[in-house]
């Protein structure tokens, strides 16, 4: 049986790290909005996985998590 442990922590990123993190979150949120709209149009999750990964240049796990919310 797998055991899952959650750890909460505060981040204190440097300025350039904060910019990188902000850009990543912006991309992910845009991908999430786009996935929602495409699902409303009737596209399947399988089609979206490939399309969104190419469109937003995110790794697969981030793309899948934006669809699966």
N, C-alpha and C. Protein backbone atom coordinates (compact mmCIF):
# COMPACT_ATOMS: atom_id res chain seq x y z
N UNK A 1 0.85 -1.18 0.00
CA UNK A 1 0.00 0.00 0.00
C UNK A 1 0.89 1.24 0.00
N UNK A 2 0.60 2.16 -0.93
CA UNK A 2 1.37 3.40 -1.00
C UNK A 2 0.92 4.36 0.09
N UNK A 3 1.87 5.04 0.66
CA UNK A 3 1.55 6.06 1.65
C UNK A 3 1.92 7.41 1.06
N UNK A 4 0.99 8.35 1.13
CA UNK A 4 1.22 9.68 0.59
C UNK A 4 1.39 10.66 1.74
N UNK A 5 2.46 11.42 1.67
CA UNK A 5 2.74 12.42 2.70
C UNK A 5 2.71 13.79 2.04
N UNK A 6 2.01 14.73 2.65
CA UNK A 6 1.94 16.10 2.14
C UNK A 6 2.76 17.00 3.04
N UNK A 7 3.60 17.80 2.43
CA UNK A 7 4.43 18.74 3.18
C UNK A 7 4.07 20.15 2.71
N UNK A 8 3.80 21.03 3.65
CA UNK A 8 3.53 22.42 3.33
C UNK A 8 4.78 23.23 3.63
N UNK A 9 5.11 24.13 2.72
CA UNK A 9 6.30 24.95 2.91
C UNK A 9 6.10 26.30 2.23
N UNK A 10 6.82 27.28 2.66
CA UNK A 10 6.80 28.59 2.02
C UNK A 10 8.00 28.70 1.09
N UNK A 11 7.77 29.32 -0.03
CA UNK A 11 8.86 29.56 -0.98
C UNK A 11 9.32 31.01 -0.85
N UNK A 12 10.61 31.19 -0.89
CA UNK A 12 11.18 32.53 -0.92
C UNK A 12 12.12 32.61 -2.11
N UNK A 13 11.53 32.67 -3.32
CA UNK A 13 12.37 32.64 -4.53
C UNK A 13 13.09 33.97 -4.76
N UNK A 14 14.20 33.86 -5.44
CA UNK A 14 14.91 35.06 -5.89
C UNK A 14 14.10 35.69 -7.01
N UNK A 15 14.45 36.88 -7.39
CA UNK A 15 13.67 37.61 -8.39
C UNK A 15 13.56 36.84 -9.71
N UNK A 16 14.68 36.32 -10.21
CA UNK A 16 14.65 35.61 -11.49
C UNK A 16 13.89 34.28 -11.36
N UNK A 17 13.97 33.64 -10.21
CA UNK A 17 13.21 32.41 -9.99
C UNK A 17 11.72 32.70 -9.92
N UNK A 18 11.37 33.83 -9.31
CA UNK A 18 9.97 34.23 -9.21
C UNK A 18 9.39 34.50 -10.59
N UNK A 19 10.15 35.15 -11.45
CA UNK A 19 9.70 35.41 -12.82
C UNK A 19 9.48 34.10 -13.58
N UNK A 20 10.39 33.15 -13.40
CA UNK A 20 10.27 31.84 -14.05
C UNK A 20 9.02 31.11 -13.54
N UNK A 21 8.80 31.14 -12.25
CA UNK A 21 7.63 30.50 -11.66
C UNK A 21 6.34 31.17 -12.11
N UNK A 22 6.35 32.50 -12.17
CA UNK A 22 5.17 33.24 -12.65
C UNK A 22 4.84 32.88 -14.09
N UNK A 23 5.86 32.77 -14.93
CA UNK A 23 5.64 32.41 -16.33
C UNK A 23 5.09 30.99 -16.46
N UNK A 24 5.61 30.07 -15.65
CA UNK A 24 5.11 28.70 -15.67
C UNK A 24 3.64 28.66 -15.24
N UNK A 25 3.28 29.37 -14.19
CA UNK A 25 1.90 29.40 -13.72
C UNK A 25 0.98 30.06 -14.74
N UNK A 26 1.47 31.08 -15.41
CA UNK A 26 0.68 31.75 -16.45
C UNK A 26 0.38 30.78 -17.59
N UNK A 27 1.40 30.03 -18.02
CA UNK A 27 1.21 29.04 -19.09
C UNK A 27 0.22 27.97 -18.66
N UNK A 28 0.39 27.46 -17.43
CA UNK A 28 -0.47 26.38 -16.95
C UNK A 28 -1.92 26.84 -16.86
N UNK A 29 -2.14 28.05 -16.35
CA UNK A 29 -3.51 28.56 -16.24
C UNK A 29 -4.13 28.80 -17.62
N UNK A 30 -3.34 29.26 -18.56
CA UNK A 30 -3.84 29.44 -19.93
C UNK A 30 -4.19 28.08 -20.53
N UNK A 31 -3.37 27.09 -20.28
CA UNK A 31 -3.62 25.74 -20.77
C UNK A 31 -4.91 25.20 -20.16
N UNK A 32 -5.13 25.47 -18.89
CA UNK A 32 -6.33 25.01 -18.20
C UNK A 32 -7.58 25.65 -18.80
N UNK A 33 -7.53 26.96 -19.05
CA UNK A 33 -8.68 27.66 -19.66
C UNK A 33 -8.95 27.13 -21.07
N UNK A 34 -7.89 26.94 -21.83
CA UNK A 34 -8.03 26.44 -23.19
C UNK A 34 -8.62 25.02 -23.19
N UNK A 35 -8.16 24.18 -22.27
CA UNK A 35 -8.68 22.82 -22.16
C UNK A 35 -10.17 22.83 -21.85
N UNK A 36 -10.57 23.69 -20.94
CA UNK A 36 -11.99 23.80 -20.58
C UNK A 36 -12.83 24.17 -21.80
N UNK A 37 -12.37 25.18 -22.53
CA UNK A 37 -13.12 25.62 -23.72
C UNK A 37 -13.19 24.54 -24.79
N UNK A 38 -12.08 23.81 -24.99
CA UNK A 38 -12.08 22.75 -26.00
C UNK A 38 -12.96 21.58 -25.58
N UNK A 39 -13.01 21.29 -24.28
CA UNK A 39 -13.90 20.23 -23.81
C UNK A 39 -15.36 20.62 -24.05
N UNK A 40 -15.68 21.89 -23.87
CA UNK A 40 -17.03 22.36 -24.15
C UNK A 40 -17.38 22.24 -25.63
N UNK A 41 -16.36 22.37 -26.48
CA UNK A 41 -16.57 22.24 -27.93
C UNK A 41 -16.73 20.78 -28.35
N UNK A 42 -16.44 19.85 -27.44
CA UNK A 42 -16.63 18.44 -27.74
C UNK A 42 -15.37 17.65 -28.04
N UNK A 43 -14.20 18.23 -27.86
CA UNK A 43 -12.96 17.48 -28.09
C UNK A 43 -12.75 16.48 -26.96
N UNK A 44 -12.04 15.40 -27.27
CA UNK A 44 -11.76 14.39 -26.25
C UNK A 44 -10.47 14.76 -25.50
N UNK A 45 -10.32 14.18 -24.33
CA UNK A 45 -9.13 14.43 -23.52
C UNK A 45 -7.87 13.93 -24.24
N UNK A 46 -8.00 12.83 -24.95
CA UNK A 46 -6.85 12.28 -25.68
C UNK A 46 -6.37 13.26 -26.76
N UNK A 47 -7.31 13.86 -27.49
CA UNK A 47 -6.95 14.85 -28.51
C UNK A 47 -6.31 16.07 -27.86
N UNK A 48 -6.86 16.49 -26.74
CA UNK A 48 -6.36 17.68 -26.06
C UNK A 48 -4.95 17.50 -25.54
N UNK A 49 -4.63 16.30 -25.07
CA UNK A 49 -3.31 16.05 -24.50
C UNK A 49 -2.21 16.44 -25.47
N UNK A 50 -2.31 15.95 -26.69
CA UNK A 50 -1.29 16.24 -27.70
C UNK A 50 -1.32 17.70 -28.14
N UNK A 51 -2.52 18.19 -28.40
CA UNK A 51 -2.69 19.55 -28.91
C UNK A 51 -2.16 20.59 -27.91
N UNK A 52 -2.55 20.46 -26.65
CA UNK A 52 -2.15 21.45 -25.65
C UNK A 52 -0.68 21.38 -25.31
N UNK A 53 -0.12 20.17 -25.32
CA UNK A 53 1.30 20.04 -25.03
C UNK A 53 2.13 20.77 -26.07
N UNK A 54 1.74 20.68 -27.32
CA UNK A 54 2.45 21.38 -28.38
C UNK A 54 2.18 22.89 -28.32
N UNK A 55 0.95 23.26 -28.05
CA UNK A 55 0.57 24.67 -28.05
C UNK A 55 1.25 25.46 -26.93
N UNK A 56 1.32 24.88 -25.73
CA UNK A 56 1.84 25.61 -24.58
C UNK A 56 3.25 25.21 -24.18
N UNK A 57 3.80 24.21 -24.84
CA UNK A 57 5.17 23.76 -24.58
C UNK A 57 5.38 23.40 -23.10
N UNK A 58 4.43 22.65 -22.55
CA UNK A 58 4.53 22.16 -21.18
C UNK A 58 4.85 20.67 -21.20
N UNK A 59 5.43 20.15 -20.14
CA UNK A 59 5.67 18.73 -20.06
C UNK A 59 4.34 18.02 -19.90
N UNK A 60 4.31 16.74 -20.20
CA UNK A 60 3.06 15.98 -20.29
C UNK A 60 2.28 16.00 -18.98
N UNK A 61 2.95 15.83 -17.85
CA UNK A 61 2.24 15.78 -16.57
C UNK A 61 1.49 17.09 -16.29
N UNK A 62 2.10 18.23 -16.61
CA UNK A 62 1.45 19.53 -16.41
C UNK A 62 0.25 19.67 -17.34
N UNK A 63 0.40 19.20 -18.56
CA UNK A 63 -0.70 19.27 -19.53
C UNK A 63 -1.86 18.40 -19.07
N UNK A 64 -1.58 17.19 -18.65
CA UNK A 64 -2.63 16.28 -18.20
C UNK A 64 -3.33 16.83 -16.96
N UNK A 65 -2.57 17.42 -16.04
CA UNK A 65 -3.19 17.96 -14.82
C UNK A 65 -4.07 19.16 -15.14
N UNK A 66 -3.77 19.90 -16.18
CA UNK A 66 -4.62 21.04 -16.55
C UNK A 66 -5.94 20.56 -17.17
N UNK A 67 -5.92 19.37 -17.76
CA UNK A 67 -7.15 18.81 -18.34
C UNK A 67 -7.98 18.12 -17.26
N UNK A 68 -7.34 17.48 -16.32
CA UNK A 68 -8.01 16.61 -15.35
C UNK A 68 -8.58 17.31 -14.14
N UNK A 69 -8.49 18.60 -14.06
CA UNK A 69 -8.98 19.31 -12.86
C UNK A 69 -10.39 18.99 -12.65
